[in-house]
Amino acid sequence: MWNKPNAEQLACIPRLYTTEHTPLQDKLIHLHFFIGGCDWYICEIDETHEYMWGFVVLNQDFQNAEWGYVSLAELVSIRVGFVEVDCDLYWKVRSAMEVANIRKAHPHWKRYDQQPAAAL
């Protein structure tokens, strides 16, 4: 894996289940991993920093993208030829609603800044 997150970065991510009462669109995305058209957005991690929970979009398939668990070891092991999964060095923590790829997979989500059209 290129740019594997360090222990300090992983320690800043909430532990599994600690944000389960937070609505999905308000979940904070702490890390972003990617390779080709695949993206993993991480919200929570376990105590051993092995299992993570977040949102995944595989091959830009937004219809089948989903929330779920992923193993850090699995991400580290993914290689396509000489290309490896990368951890986004420039990622800034933001809510799921603020991530375009997650919004594309949730077309029913309404942005907070979008007001319904006034009735005519």
PDB file of N, CA and C in Angstrom:
ATOM      1  N   MET A   1       0.845  -1.184   0.000  1.00  0.00           N
ATOM      2  CA  MET A   1       0.000   0.000   0.000  1.00  0.00           C
ATOM      3  C   MET A   1       0.881   1.234   0.000  1.00  0.00           C
ATOM      4  N   TRP A   2       0.513   2.187  -0.842  1.00  0.00           N
ATOM      5  CA  TRP A   2       1.202   3.467  -0.843  1.00  0.00           C
ATOM      6  C   TRP A   2       0.581   4.354   0.224  1.00  0.00           C
ATOM      7  N   ASN A   3       1.424   5.065   0.939  1.00  0.00           N
ATOM      8  CA  ASN A   3       0.956   6.011   1.951  1.00  0.00           C
ATOM      9  C   ASN A   3       0.107   5.351   3.037  1.00  0.00           C
ATOM     10  N   LYS A   4       0.524   4.183   3.505  1.00  0.00           N
ATOM     11  CA  LYS A   4      -0.227   3.486   4.549  1.00  0.00           C
ATOM     12  C   LYS A   4      -0.394   4.415   5.752  1.00  0.00           C
ATOM     13  N   PRO A   5      -1.619   4.507   6.305  1.00  0.00           N
ATOM     14  CA  PRO A   5      -1.824   5.398   7.452  1.00  0.00           C
ATOM     15  C   PRO A   5      -1.005   4.932   8.652  1.00  0.00           C
ATOM     16  N   ASN A   6      -0.486   5.893   9.398  1.00  0.00           N
ATOM     17  CA  ASN A   6       0.323   5.552  10.566  1.00  0.00           C
ATOM     18  C   ASN A   6      -0.569   5.391  11.797  1.00  0.00           C
ATOM     19  N   ALA A   7       0.018   4.943  12.889  1.00  0.00           N
ATOM     20  CA  ALA A   7      -0.730   4.677  14.122  1.00  0.00           C
ATOM     21  C   ALA A   7      -1.420   5.935  14.639  1.00  0.00           C
ATOM     22  N   GLU A   8      -0.785   7.072  14.488  1.00  0.00           N
ATOM     23  CA  GLU A   8      -1.379   8.332  14.955  1.00  0.00           C
ATOM     24  C   GLU A   8      -2.652   8.659  14.165  1.00  0.00           C
ATOM     25  N   GLN A   9      -2.608   8.481  12.855  1.00  0.00           N
ATOM     26  CA  GLN A   9      -3.794   8.723  12.028  1.00  0.00           C
ATOM     27  C   GLN A   9      -4.923   7.763  12.399  1.00  0.00           C
ATOM     28  N   LEU A  10      -4.586   6.498  12.584  1.00  0.00           N
ATOM     29  CA  LEU A  10      -5.587   5.488  12.921  1.00  0.00           C
ATOM     30  C   LEU A  10      -6.192   5.732  14.299  1.00  0.00           C
ATOM     31  N   ALA A  11      -5.397   6.246  15.225  1.00  0.00           N
ATOM     32  CA  ALA A  11      -5.877   6.513  16.585  1.00  0.00           C
ATOM     33  C   ALA A  11      -6.922   7.625  16.619  1.00  0.00           C
ATOM     34  N   CYS A  12      -6.960   8.479  15.617  1.00  0.00           N
ATOM     35  CA  CYS A  12      -7.917   9.594  15.561  1.00  0.00           C
ATOM     36  C   CYS A  12      -9.297   9.168  15.060  1.00  0.00           C
ATOM     37  N   ILE A  13      -9.415   7.955  14.552  1.00  0.00           N
ATOM     38  CA  ILE A  13     -10.687   7.475  13.997  1.00  0.00           C
ATOM     39  C   ILE A  13     -11.525   6.893  15.141  1.00  0.00           C
ATOM     40  N   PRO A  14     -12.811   7.215  15.197  1.00  0.00           N
ATOM     41  CA  PRO A  14     -13.673   6.653  16.252  1.00  0.00           C
ATOM     42  C   PRO A  14     -13.683   5.128  16.203  1.00  0.00           C
ATOM     43  N   ARG A  15     -13.847   4.521  17.359  1.00  0.00           N
ATOM     44  CA  ARG A  15     -13.904   3.067  17.459  1.00  0.00           C
ATOM     45  C   ARG A  15     -15.238   2.562  16.899  1.00  0.00           C
ATOM     46  N   LEU A  16     -15.228   1.300  16.482  1.00  0.00           N
ATOM     47  CA  LEU A  16     -16.435   0.692  15.928  1.00  0.00           C
ATOM     48  C   LEU A  16     -17.629   0.890  16.866  1.00  0.00           C
ATOM     49  N   TYR A  17     -18.752   1.198  16.284  1.00  0.00           N
ATOM     50  CA  TYR A  17     -20.053   1.352  16.944  1.00  0.00           C
ATOM     51  C   TYR A  17     -20.206   2.627  17.770  1.00  0.00           C
ATOM     52  N   THR A  18     -19.160   3.444  17.889  1.00  0.00           N
ATOM     53  CA  THR A  18     -19.294   4.650  18.711  1.00  0.00           C
ATOM     54  C   THR A  18     -20.099   5.749  18.030  1.00  0.00           C
ATOM     55  N   THR A  19     -20.298   5.639  16.728  1.00  0.00           N
ATOM     56  CA  THR A  19     -21.084   6.658  16.020  1.00  0.00           C
ATOM     57  C   THR A  19     -22.361   6.059  15.419  1.00  0.00           C
ATOM     58  N   GLU A  20     -22.784   4.905  15.934  1.00  0.00           N
ATOM     59  CA  GLU A  20     -23.913   4.224  15.311  1.00  0.00           C
ATOM     60  C   GLU A  20     -25.225   5.008  15.391  1.00  0.00           C
ATOM     61  N   HIS A  21     -25.329   5.982  16.276  1.00  0.00           N
ATOM     62  CA  HIS A  21     -26.556   6.783  16.365  1.00  0.00           C
ATOM     63  C   HIS A  21     -26.483   8.040  15.495  1.00  0.00           C
ATOM     64  N   THR A  22     -25.355   8.227  14.829  1.00  0.00           N
ATOM     65  CA  THR A  22     -25.195   9.363  13.919  1.00  0.00           C
ATOM     66  C   THR A  22     -25.797   8.993  12.563  1.00  0.00           C
ATOM     67  N   PRO A  23     -26.658   9.843  12.000  1.00  0.00           N
ATOM     68  CA  PRO A  23     -27.206   9.538  10.667  1.00  0.00           C
ATOM     69  C   PRO A  23     -26.077   9.344   9.645  1.00  0.00           C
ATOM     70  N   LEU A  24     -26.295   8.470   8.683  1.00  0.00           N
ATOM     71  CA  LEU A  24     -25.246   8.150   7.712  1.00  0.00           C
ATOM     72  C   LEU A  24     -24.687   9.393   7.033  1.00  0.00           C
ATOM     73  N   GLN A  25     -25.538  10.321   6.634  1.00  0.00           N
ATOM     74  CA  GLN A  25     -25.026  11.489   5.924  1.00  0.00           C
ATOM     75  C   GLN A  25     -24.173  12.393   6.818  1.00  0.00           C
ATOM     76  N   ASP A  26     -24.305  12.234   8.139  1.00  0.00           N
ATOM     77  CA  ASP A  26     -23.512  13.030   9.081  1.00  0.00           C
ATOM     78  C   ASP A  26     -22.252  12.318   9.567  1.00  0.00           C
ATOM     79  N   LYS A  27     -22.087  11.057   9.193  1.00  0.00           N
ATOM     80  CA  LYS A  27     -20.881  10.322   9.604  1.00  0.00           C
ATOM     81  C   LYS A  27     -19.659  11.051   9.072  1.00  0.00           C
ATOM     82  N   LEU A  28     -18.624  11.120   9.883  1.00  0.00           N
ATOM     83  CA  LEU A  28     -17.387  11.743   9.436  1.00  0.00           C
ATOM     84  C   LEU A  28     -16.509  10.710   8.750  1.00  0.00           C
ATOM     85  N   ILE A  29     -16.006  11.085   7.591  1.00  0.00           N
ATOM     86  CA  ILE A  29     -15.125  10.209   6.813  1.00  0.00           C
ATOM     87  C   ILE A  29     -13.695  10.630   7.149  1.00  0.00           C
ATOM     88  N   HIS A  30     -12.962   9.740   7.817  1.00  0.00           N
ATOM     89  CA  HIS A  30     -11.622  10.060   8.307  1.00  0.00           C
ATOM     90  C   HIS A  30     -10.508   9.698   7.337  1.00  0.00           C
ATOM     91  N   LEU A  31     -10.709   8.641   6.560  1.00  0.00           N
ATOM     92  CA  LEU A  31      -9.685   8.210   5.601  1.00  0.00           C
ATOM     93  C   LEU A  31     -10.338   7.869   4.273  1.00  0.00           C
ATOM     94  N   HIS A  32      -9.567   8.024   3.211  1.00  0.00           N
ATOM     95  CA  HIS A  32     -10.012   7.652   1.867  1.00  0.00           C
ATOM     96  C   HIS A  32      -8.904   6.820   1.233  1.00  0.00           C
ATOM     97  N   PHE A  33      -9.258   5.592   0.833  1.00  0.00           N
ATOM     98  CA  PHE A  33      -8.345   4.718   0.102  1.00  0.00           C
ATOM     99  C   PHE A  33      -8.882   4.581  -1.317  1.00  0.00           C
ATOM    100  N   PHE A  34      -7.989   4.397  -2.283  1.00  0.00           N
ATOM    101  CA  PHE A  34      -8.456   4.266  -3.663  1.00  0.00           C
ATOM    102  C   PHE A  34      -7.467   3.494  -4.513  1.00  0.00           C
ATOM    103  N   ILE A  35      -8.015   2.931  -5.593  1.00  0.00           N
ATOM    104  CA  ILE A  35      -7.239   2.309  -6.658  1.00  0.00           C
ATOM    105  C   ILE A  35      -8.164   2.232  -7.867  1.00  0.00           C
ATOM    106  N   GLY A  36      -7.712   2.713  -8.997  1.00  0.00           N
ATOM    107  CA  GLY A  36      -8.563   2.716 -10.187  1.00  0.00           C
ATOM    108  C   GLY A  36      -9.881   3.398  -9.890  1.00  0.00           C
ATOM    109  N   GLY A  37     -10.991   2.757 -10.206  1.00  0.00           N
ATOM    110  CA  GLY A  37     -12.320   3.298  -9.946  1.00  0.00           C
ATOM    111  C   GLY A  37     -12.913   2.828  -8.636  1.00  0.00           C
ATOM    112  N   CYS A  38     -12.082   2.361  -7.720  1.00  0.00           N
ATOM    113  CA  CYS A  38     -12.552   1.858  -6.427  1.00  0.00           C
ATOM    114  C   CYS A  38     -12.156   2.827  -5.317  1.00  0.00           C
ATOM    115  N   ASP A  39     -13.105   3.078  -4.411  1.00  0.00           N
ATOM    116  CA  ASP A  39     -12.865   4.001  -3.302  1.00  0.00           C
ATOM    117  C   ASP A  39     -13.429   3.419  -2.013  1.00  0.00           C
ATOM    118  N   TRP A  40     -12.667   3.554  -0.934  1.00  0.00           N
ATOM    119  CA  TRP A  40     -13.105   3.164   0.395  1.00  0.00           C
ATOM    120  C   TRP A  40     -13.040   4.406   1.279  1.00  0.00           C
ATOM    121  N   TYR A  41     -14.136   4.699   1.959  1.00  0.00           N
ATOM    122  CA  TYR A  41     -14.238   5.872   2.841  1.00  0.00           C
ATOM    123  C   TYR A  41     -14.459   5.361   4.261  1.00  0.00           C
ATOM    124  N   ILE A  42     -13.551   5.675   5.161  1.00  0.00           N
ATOM    125  CA  ILE A  42     -13.536   5.060   6.488  1.00  0.00           C
ATOM    126  C   ILE A  42     -14.072   5.997   7.570  1.00  0.00           C
ATOM    127  N   CYS A  43     -15.032   5.462   8.356  1.00  0.00           N
ATOM    128  CA  CYS A  43     -15.669   6.208   9.454  1.00  0.00           C
ATOM    129  C   CYS A  43     -15.226   5.727  10.826  1.00  0.00           C
ATOM    130  N   GLU A  44     -15.053   4.425  10.980  1.00  0.00           N
ATOM    131  CA  GLU A  44     -14.755   3.831  12.287  1.00  0.00           C
ATOM    132  C   GLU A  44     -13.707   2.731  12.116  1.00  0.00           C
ATOM    133  N   ILE A  45     -13.052   2.403  13.214  1.00  0.00           N
ATOM    134  CA  ILE A  45     -12.019   1.351  13.190  1.00  0.00           C
ATOM    135  C   ILE A  45     -12.039   0.613  14.526  1.00  0.00           C
ATOM    136  N   ASP A  46     -11.610  -0.642  14.527  1.00  0.00           N
ATOM    137  CA  ASP A  46     -11.598  -1.385  15.791  1.00  0.00           C
ATOM    138  C   ASP A  46     -10.353  -1.059  16.612  1.00  0.00           C
ATOM    139  N   GLU A  47     -10.301  -1.584  17.808  1.00  0.00           N
ATOM    140  CA  GLU A  47      -9.196  -1.293  18.746  1.00  0.00           C
ATOM    141  C   GLU A  47      -7.831  -1.732  18.213  1.00  0.00           C
ATOM    142  N   THR A  48      -7.801  -2.798  17.422  1.00  0.00           N
ATOM    143  CA  THR A  48      -6.519  -3.308  16.916  1.00  0.00           C
ATOM    144  C   THR A  48      -6.098  -2.634  15.613  1.00  0.00           C
ATOM    145  N   HIS A  49      -6.939  -1.739  15.112  1.00  0.00           N
ATOM    146  CA  HIS A  49      -6.695  -1.036  13.845  1.00  0.00           C
ATOM    147  C   HIS A  49      -6.668  -1.997  12.665  1.00  0.00           C
ATOM    148  N   GLU A  50      -7.418  -3.083  12.768  1.00  0.00           N
ATOM    149  CA  GLU A  50      -7.457  -4.054  11.683  1.00  0.00           C
ATOM    150  C   GLU A  50      -8.741  -3.951  10.868  1.00  0.00           C
ATOM    151  N   TYR A  51      -9.875  -3.878  11.542  1.00  0.00           N
ATOM    152  CA  TYR A  51     -11.147  -3.831  10.828  1.00  0.00           C
ATOM    153  C   TYR A  51     -11.718  -2.427  10.865  1.00  0.00           C
ATOM    154  N   MET A  52     -12.210  -2.003   9.711  1.00  0.00           N
ATOM    155  CA  MET A  52     -12.724  -0.650   9.578  1.00  0.00           C
ATOM    156  C   MET A  52     -14.148  -0.714   9.032  1.00  0.00           C
ATOM    157  N   TRP A  53     -14.920   0.325   9.316  1.00  0.00           N
ATOM    158  CA  TRP A  53     -16.279   0.418   8.809  1.00  0.00           C
ATOM    159  C   TRP A  53     -16.419   1.718   8.045  1.00  0.00           C
ATOM    160  N   GLY A  54     -17.066   1.628   6.905  1.00  0.00           N
ATOM    161  CA  GLY A  54     -17.261   2.821   6.105  1.00  0.00           C
ATOM    162  C   GLY A  54     -18.032   2.502   4.843  1.00  0.00           C
ATOM    163  N   PHE A  55     -17.761   3.257   3.801  1.00  0.00           N
ATOM    164  CA  PHE A  55     -18.496   3.147   2.545  1.00  0.00           C
ATOM    165  C   PHE A  55     -17.535   2.764   1.436  1.00  0.00           C
ATOM    166  N   VAL A  56     -17.990   1.874   0.558  1.00  0.00           N
ATOM    167  CA  VAL A  56     -17.148   1.446  -0.558  1.00  0.00           C
ATOM    168  C   VAL A  56     -17.897   1.566  -1.877  1.00  0.00           C
ATOM    169  N   VAL A  57     -17.166   2.056  -2.873  1.00  0.00           N
ATOM    170  CA  VAL A  57     -17.647   2.116  -4.256  1.00  0.00           C
ATOM    171  C   VAL A  57     -16.633   1.328  -5.076  1.00  0.00           C
ATOM    172  N   LEU A  58     -17.058   0.195  -5.650  1.00  0.00           N
ATOM    173  CA  LEU A  58     -16.156  -0.618  -6.454  1.00  0.00           C
ATOM    174  C   LEU A  58     -16.432  -0.381  -7.934  1.00  0.00           C
ATOM    175  N   ASN A  59     -15.379  -0.097  -8.674  1.00  0.00           N
ATOM    176  CA  ASN A  59     -15.468   0.110 -10.129  1.00  0.00           C
ATOM    177  C   ASN A  59     -16.518   1.151 -10.521  1.00  0.00           C
ATOM    178  N   GLN A  60     -16.631   2.178  -9.728  1.00  0.00           N
ATOM    179  CA  GLN A  60     -17.579   3.274  -9.957  1.00  0.00           C
ATOM    180  C   GLN A  60     -19.016   2.782 -10.121  1.00  0.00           C
ATOM    181  N   ASP A  61     -19.341   1.685  -9.466  1.00  0.00           N
ATOM    182  CA  ASP A  61     -20.695   1.131  -9.492  1.00  0.00           C
ATOM    183  C   ASP A  61     -21.471   1.716  -8.308  1.00  0.00           C
ATOM    184  N   PHE A  62     -22.062   2.874  -8.508  1.00  0.00           N
ATOM    185  CA  PHE A  62     -22.751   3.586  -7.432  1.00  0.00           C
ATOM    186  C   PHE A  62     -24.047   2.895  -7.034  1.00  0.00           C
ATOM    187  N   GLN A  63     -24.639   2.152  -7.932  1.00  0.00           N
ATOM    188  CA  GLN A  63     -25.883   1.457  -7.627  1.00  0.00           C
ATOM    189  C   GLN A  63     -25.667   0.347  -6.599  1.00  0.00           C
ATOM    190  N   ASN A  64     -24.515  -0.298  -6.628  1.00  0.00           N
ATOM    191  CA  ASN A  64     -24.226  -1.394  -5.706  1.00  0.00           C
ATOM    192  C   ASN A  64     -23.234  -1.007  -4.619  1.00  0.00           C
ATOM    193  N   ALA A  65     -22.888   0.270  -4.531  1.00  0.00           N
ATOM    194  CA  ALA A  65     -21.997   0.731  -3.467  1.00  0.00           C
ATOM    195  C   ALA A  65     -22.696   0.534  -2.127  1.00  0.00           C
ATOM    196  N   GLU A  66     -21.908   0.321  -1.059  1.00  0.00           N
ATOM    197  CA  GLU A  66     -22.549   0.016   0.217  1.00  0.00           C
ATOM    198  C   GLU A  66     -21.693   0.364   1.421  1.00  0.00           C
ATOM    199  N   TRP A  67     -22.381   0.469   2.555  1.00  0.00           N
ATOM    200  CA  TRP A  67     -21.735   0.639   3.855  1.00  0.00           C
ATOM    201  C   TRP A  67     -21.381  -0.747   4.366  1.00  0.00           C
ATOM    202  N   GLY A  68     -20.204  -0.881   4.978  1.00  0.00           N
ATOM    203  CA  GLY A  68     -19.824  -2.179   5.510  1.00  0.00           C
ATOM    204  C   GLY A  68     -18.418  -2.175   6.072  1.00  0.00           C
ATOM    205  N   TYR A  69     -17.919  -3.367   6.339  1.00  0.00           N
ATOM    206  CA  TYR A  69     -16.620  -3.558   6.965  1.00  0.00           C
ATOM    207  C   TYR A  69     -15.572  -3.929   5.926  1.00  0.00           C
ATOM    208  N   VAL A  70     -14.349  -3.523   6.203  1.00  0.00           N
ATOM    209  CA  VAL A  70     -13.215  -3.886   5.359  1.00  0.00           C
ATOM    210  C   VAL A  70     -12.007  -4.073   6.272  1.00  0.00           C
ATOM    211  N   SER A  71     -11.155  -4.969   5.891  1.00  0.00           N
ATOM    212  CA  SER A  71      -9.932  -5.237   6.642  1.00  0.00           C
ATOM    213  C   SER A  71      -8.791  -4.383   6.075  1.00  0.00           C
ATOM    214  N   LEU A  72      -8.057  -3.729   6.944  1.00  0.00           N
ATOM    215  CA  LEU A  72      -6.897  -2.961   6.502  1.00  0.00           C
ATOM    216  C   LEU A  72      -5.894  -3.880   5.811  1.00  0.00           C
ATOM    217  N   ALA A  73      -5.719  -5.101   6.338  1.00  0.00           N
ATOM    218  CA  ALA A  73      -4.789  -6.059   5.711  1.00  0.00           C
ATOM    219  C   ALA A  73      -5.226  -6.395   4.281  1.00  0.00           C
ATOM    220  N   GLU A  74      -6.547  -6.492   4.054  1.00  0.00           N
ATOM    221  CA  GLU A  74      -7.033  -6.756   2.689  1.00  0.00           C
ATOM    222  C   GLU A  74      -6.687  -5.610   1.761  1.00  0.00           C
ATOM    223  N   LEU A  75      -6.903  -4.383   2.224  1.00  0.00           N
ATOM    224  CA  LEU A  75      -6.576  -3.231   1.386  1.00  0.00           C
ATOM    225  C   LEU A  75      -5.083  -3.187   1.081  1.00  0.00           C
ATOM    226  N   VAL A  76      -4.271  -3.484   2.072  1.00  0.00           N
ATOM    227  CA  VAL A  76      -2.815  -3.479   1.880  1.00  0.00           C
ATOM    228  C   VAL A  76      -2.402  -4.517   0.840  1.00  0.00           C
ATOM    229  N   SER A  77      -3.127  -5.633   0.780  1.00  0.00           N
ATOM    230  CA  SER A  77      -2.730  -6.731  -0.126  1.00  0.00           C
ATOM    231  C   SER A  77      -3.195  -6.553  -1.571  1.00  0.00           C
ATOM    232  N   ILE A  78      -4.083  -5.594  -1.829  1.00  0.00           N
ATOM    233  CA  ILE A  78      -4.612  -5.431  -3.190  1.00  0.00           C
ATOM    234  C   ILE A  78      -3.552  -4.825  -4.107  1.00  0.00           C
ATOM    235  N   ARG A  79      -3.325  -5.528  -5.231  1.00  0.00           N
ATOM    236  CA  ARG A  79      -2.400  -5.045  -6.262  1.00  0.00           C
ATOM    237  C   ARG A  79      -2.981  -5.383  -7.618  1.00  0.00           C
ATOM    238  N   VAL A  80      -2.884  -4.434  -8.523  1.00  0.00           N
ATOM    239  CA  VAL A  80      -3.267  -4.662  -9.912  1.00  0.00           C
ATOM    240  C   VAL A  80      -2.015  -4.368 -10.722  1.00  0.00           C
ATOM    241  N   GLY A  81      -1.329  -5.437 -11.124  1.00  0.00           N
ATOM    242  CA  GLY A  81      -0.026  -5.261 -11.758  1.00  0.00           C
ATOM    243  C   GLY A  81       0.924  -4.665 -10.732  1.00  0.00           C
ATOM    244  N   PHE A  82       1.486  -3.524 -11.041  1.00  0.00           N
ATOM    245  CA  PHE A  82       2.400  -2.868 -10.096  1.00  0.00           C
ATOM    246  C   PHE A  82       1.696  -1.775  -9.280  1.00  0.00           C
ATOM    247  N   VAL A  83       0.399  -1.583  -9.501  1.00  0.00           N
ATOM    248  CA  VAL A  83      -0.352  -0.533  -8.810  1.00  0.00           C
ATOM    249  C   VAL A  83      -0.958  -1.093  -7.522  1.00  0.00           C
ATOM    250  N   GLU A  84      -0.824  -0.342  -6.443  1.00  0.00           N
ATOM    251  CA  GLU A  84      -1.350  -0.738  -5.142  1.00  0.00           C
ATOM    252  C   GLU A  84      -2.406   0.259  -4.688  1.00  0.00           C
ATOM    253  N   VAL A  85      -3.195  -0.152  -3.710  1.00  0.00           N
ATOM    254  CA  VAL A  85      -4.153   0.766  -3.091  1.00  0.00           C
ATOM    255  C   VAL A  85      -3.367   1.915  -2.477  1.00  0.00           C
ATOM    256  N   ASP A  86      -3.923   3.100  -2.566  1.00  0.00           N
ATOM    257  CA  ASP A  86      -3.276   4.297  -2.033  1.00  0.00           C
ATOM    258  C   ASP A  86      -4.178   4.916  -0.973  1.00  0.00           C
ATOM    259  N   CYS A  87      -3.573   5.501   0.035  1.00  0.00           N
ATOM    260  CA  CYS A  87      -4.300   6.267   1.037  1.00  0.00           C
ATOM    261  C   CYS A  87      -4.126   7.739   0.661  1.00  0.00           C
ATOM    262  N   ASP A  88      -5.227   8.439   0.522  1.00  0.00           N
ATOM    263  CA  ASP A  88      -5.240   9.829   0.082  1.00  0.00           C
ATOM    264  C   ASP A  88      -4.520  10.727   1.086  1.00  0.00           C
ATOM    265  N   LEU A  89      -3.362  11.243   0.695  1.00  0.00           N
ATOM    266  CA  LEU A  89      -2.564  12.107   1.573  1.00  0.00           C
ATOM    267  C   LEU A  89      -3.225  13.453   1.827  1.00  0.00           C
ATOM    268  N   TYR A  90      -4.078  13.882   0.929  1.00  0.00           N
ATOM    269  CA  TYR A  90      -4.662  15.223   1.018  1.00  0.00           C
ATOM    270  C   TYR A  90      -6.097  15.207   1.538  1.00  0.00           C
ATOM    271  N   TRP A  91      -6.541  14.059   2.019  1.00  0.00           N
ATOM    272  CA  TRP A  91      -7.906  13.934   2.501  1.00  0.00           C
ATOM    273  C   TRP A  91      -8.112  14.783   3.750  1.00  0.00           C
ATOM    274  N   LYS A  92      -9.207  15.503   3.783  1.00  0.00           N
ATOM    275  CA  LYS A  92      -9.603  16.269   4.965  1.00  0.00           C
ATOM    276  C   LYS A  92     -10.889  15.649   5.486  1.00  0.00           C
ATOM    277  N   VAL A  93     -10.961  15.459   6.797  1.00  0.00           N
ATOM    278  CA  VAL A  93     -12.150  14.869   7.410  1.00  0.00           C
ATOM    279  C   VAL A  93     -13.362  15.707   7.035  1.00  0.00           C
ATOM    280  N   ARG A  94     -14.413  15.017   6.585  1.00  0.00           N
ATOM    281  CA  ARG A  94     -15.659  15.691   6.203  1.00  0.00           C
ATOM    282  C   ARG A  94     -16.808  14.710   6.360  1.00  0.00           C
ATOM    283  N   SER A  95     -18.004  15.218   6.338  1.00  0.00           N
ATOM    284  CA  SER A  95     -19.173  14.350   6.485  1.00  0.00           C
ATOM    285  C   SER A  95     -19.408  13.572   5.189  1.00  0.00           C
ATOM    286  N   ALA A  96     -20.111  12.456   5.312  1.00  0.00           N
ATOM    287  CA  ALA A  96     -20.438  11.643   4.136  1.00  0.00           C
ATOM    288  C   ALA A  96     -21.214  12.460   3.115  1.00  0.00           C
ATOM    289  N   MET A  97     -22.065  13.367   3.578  1.00  0.00           N
ATOM    290  CA  MET A  97     -22.847  14.210   2.666  1.00  0.00           C
ATOM    291  C   MET A  97     -21.950  15.080   1.799  1.00  0.00           C
ATOM    292  N   GLU A  98     -20.769  15.395   2.283  1.00  0.00           N
ATOM    293  CA  GLU A  98     -19.851  16.263   1.548  1.00  0.00           C
ATOM    294  C   GLU A  98     -18.971  15.514   0.552  1.00  0.00           C
ATOM    295  N   VAL A  99     -19.103  14.196   0.490  1.00  0.00           N
ATOM    296  CA  VAL A  99     -18.281  13.379  -0.411  1.00  0.00           C
ATOM    297  C   VAL A  99     -19.115  13.048  -1.648  1.00  0.00           C
ATOM    298  N   ALA A 100     -18.704  13.555  -2.796  1.00  0.00           N
ATOM    299  CA  ALA A 100     -19.483  13.408  -4.031  1.00  0.00           C
ATOM    300  C   ALA A 100     -19.803  11.950  -4.351  1.00  0.00           C
ATOM    301  N   ASN A 101     -18.840  11.047  -4.218  1.00  0.00           N
ATOM    302  CA  ASN A 101     -19.083   9.642  -4.550  1.00  0.00           C
ATOM    303  C   ASN A 101     -20.117   9.002  -3.633  1.00  0.00           C
ATOM    304  N   ILE A 102     -20.155   9.397  -2.389  1.00  0.00           N
ATOM    305  CA  ILE A 102     -21.151   8.836  -1.473  1.00  0.00           C
ATOM    306  C   ILE A 102     -22.526   9.418  -1.802  1.00  0.00           C
ATOM    307  N   ARG A 103     -22.584  10.706  -2.110  1.00  0.00           N
ATOM    308  CA  ARG A 103     -23.861  11.324  -2.496  1.00  0.00           C
ATOM    309  C   ARG A 103     -24.421  10.691  -3.771  1.00  0.00           C
ATOM    310  N   LYS A 104     -23.546  10.370  -4.736  1.00  0.00           N
ATOM    311  CA  LYS A 104     -24.011   9.733  -5.980  1.00  0.00           C
ATOM    312  C   LYS A 104     -24.696   8.404  -5.688  1.00  0.00           C
ATOM    313  N   ALA A 105     -24.209   7.695  -4.692  1.00  0.00           N
ATOM    314  CA  ALA A 105     -24.782   6.396  -4.339  1.00  0.00           C
ATOM    315  C   ALA A 105     -26.043   6.541  -3.485  1.00  0.00           C
ATOM    316  N   HIS A 106     -26.297   7.728  -2.983  1.00  0.00           N
ATOM    317  CA  HIS A 106     -27.489   8.009  -2.161  1.00  0.00           C
ATOM    318  C   HIS A 106     -28.270   9.161  -2.787  1.00  0.00           C
ATOM    319  N   PRO A 107     -28.867   8.962  -3.948  1.00  0.00           N
ATOM    320  CA  PRO A 107     -29.546  10.070  -4.628  1.00  0.00           C
ATOM    321  C   PRO A 107     -30.731  10.628  -3.846  1.00  0.00           C
ATOM    322  N   HIS A 108     -31.243   9.878  -2.881  1.00  0.00           N
ATOM    323  CA  HIS A 108     -32.370  10.351  -2.080  1.00  0.00           C
ATOM    324  C   HIS A 108     -31.938  11.330  -0.979  1.00  0.00           C
ATOM    325  N   TRP A 109     -30.636  11.404  -0.695  1.00  0.00           N
ATOM    326  CA  TRP A 109     -30.165  12.360   0.303  1.00  0.00           C
ATOM    327  C   TRP A 109     -30.382  13.769  -0.209  1.00  0.00           C
ATOM    328  N   LYS A 110     -30.813  14.632   0.637  1.00  0.00           N
ATOM    329  CA  LYS A 110     -30.973  16.045   0.293  1.00  0.00           C
ATOM    330  C   LYS A 110     -29.881  16.825   1.001  1.00  0.00           C
ATOM    331  N   ARG A 111     -29.250  17.704   0.275  1.00  0.00           N
ATOM    332  CA  ARG A 111     -28.232  18.561   0.874  1.00  0.00           C
ATOM    333  C   ARG A 111     -28.924  19.532   1.820  1.00  0.00           C
ATOM    334  N   TYR A 112     -28.269  19.816   2.931  1.00  0.00           N
ATOM    335  CA  TYR A 112     -28.850  20.716   3.927  1.00  0.00           C
ATOM    336  C   TYR A 112     -29.051  22.120   3.372  1.00  0.00           C
ATOM    337  N   ASP A 113     -28.231  22.519   2.414  1.00  0.00           N
ATOM    338  CA  ASP A 113     -28.332  23.861   1.873  1.00  0.00           C
ATOM    339  C   ASP A 113     -29.355  23.960   0.748  1.00  0.00           C
ATOM    340  N   GLN A 114     -29.994  22.850   0.397  1.00  0.00           N
ATOM    341  CA  GLN A 114     -30.999  22.875  -0.656  1.00  0.00           C
ATOM    342  C   GLN A 114     -32.380  23.010  -0.009  1.00  0.00           C
ATOM    343  N   GLN A 115     -33.025  24.083  -0.288  1.00  0.00           N
ATOM    344  CA  GLN A 115     -34.368  24.301   0.227  1.00  0.00           C
ATOM    345  C   GLN A 115     -35.380  23.842  -0.819  1.00  0.00           C
ATOM    346  N   PRO A 116     -36.510  23.300  -0.387  1.00  0.00           N
ATOM    347  CA  PRO A 116     -37.520  22.926  -1.373  1.00  0.00           C
ATOM    348  C   PRO A 116     -38.017  24.153  -2.118  1.00  0.00           C
ATOM    349  N   ALA A 117     -38.364  23.955  -3.377  1.00  0.00           N
ATOM    350  CA  ALA A 117     -38.858  25.071  -4.192  1.00  0.00           C
ATOM    351  C   ALA A 117     -40.147  25.594  -3.578  1.00  0.00           C
ATOM    352  N   ALA A 118     -40.309  26.886  -3.604  1.00  0.00           N
ATOM    353  CA  ALA A 118     -41.518  27.500  -3.065  1.00  0.00           C
ATOM    354  C   ALA A 118     -42.713  27.103  -3.919  1.00  0.00           C
ATOM    355  N   ALA A 119     -43.821  26.841  -3.257  1.00  0.00           N
ATOM    356  CA  ALA A 119     -45.044  26.497  -3.988  1.00  0.00           C
ATOM    357  C   ALA A 119     -45.540  27.712  -4.769  1.00  0.00           C
ATOM    358  N   LEU A 120     -45.923  27.473  -5.985  1.00  0.00           N
ATOM    359  CA  LEU A 120     -46.418  28.582  -6.824  1.00  0.00           C
ATOM    360  C   LEU A 120     -47.911  28.738  -6.684  1.00  0.00           C
TER     361      LEU A 120
END
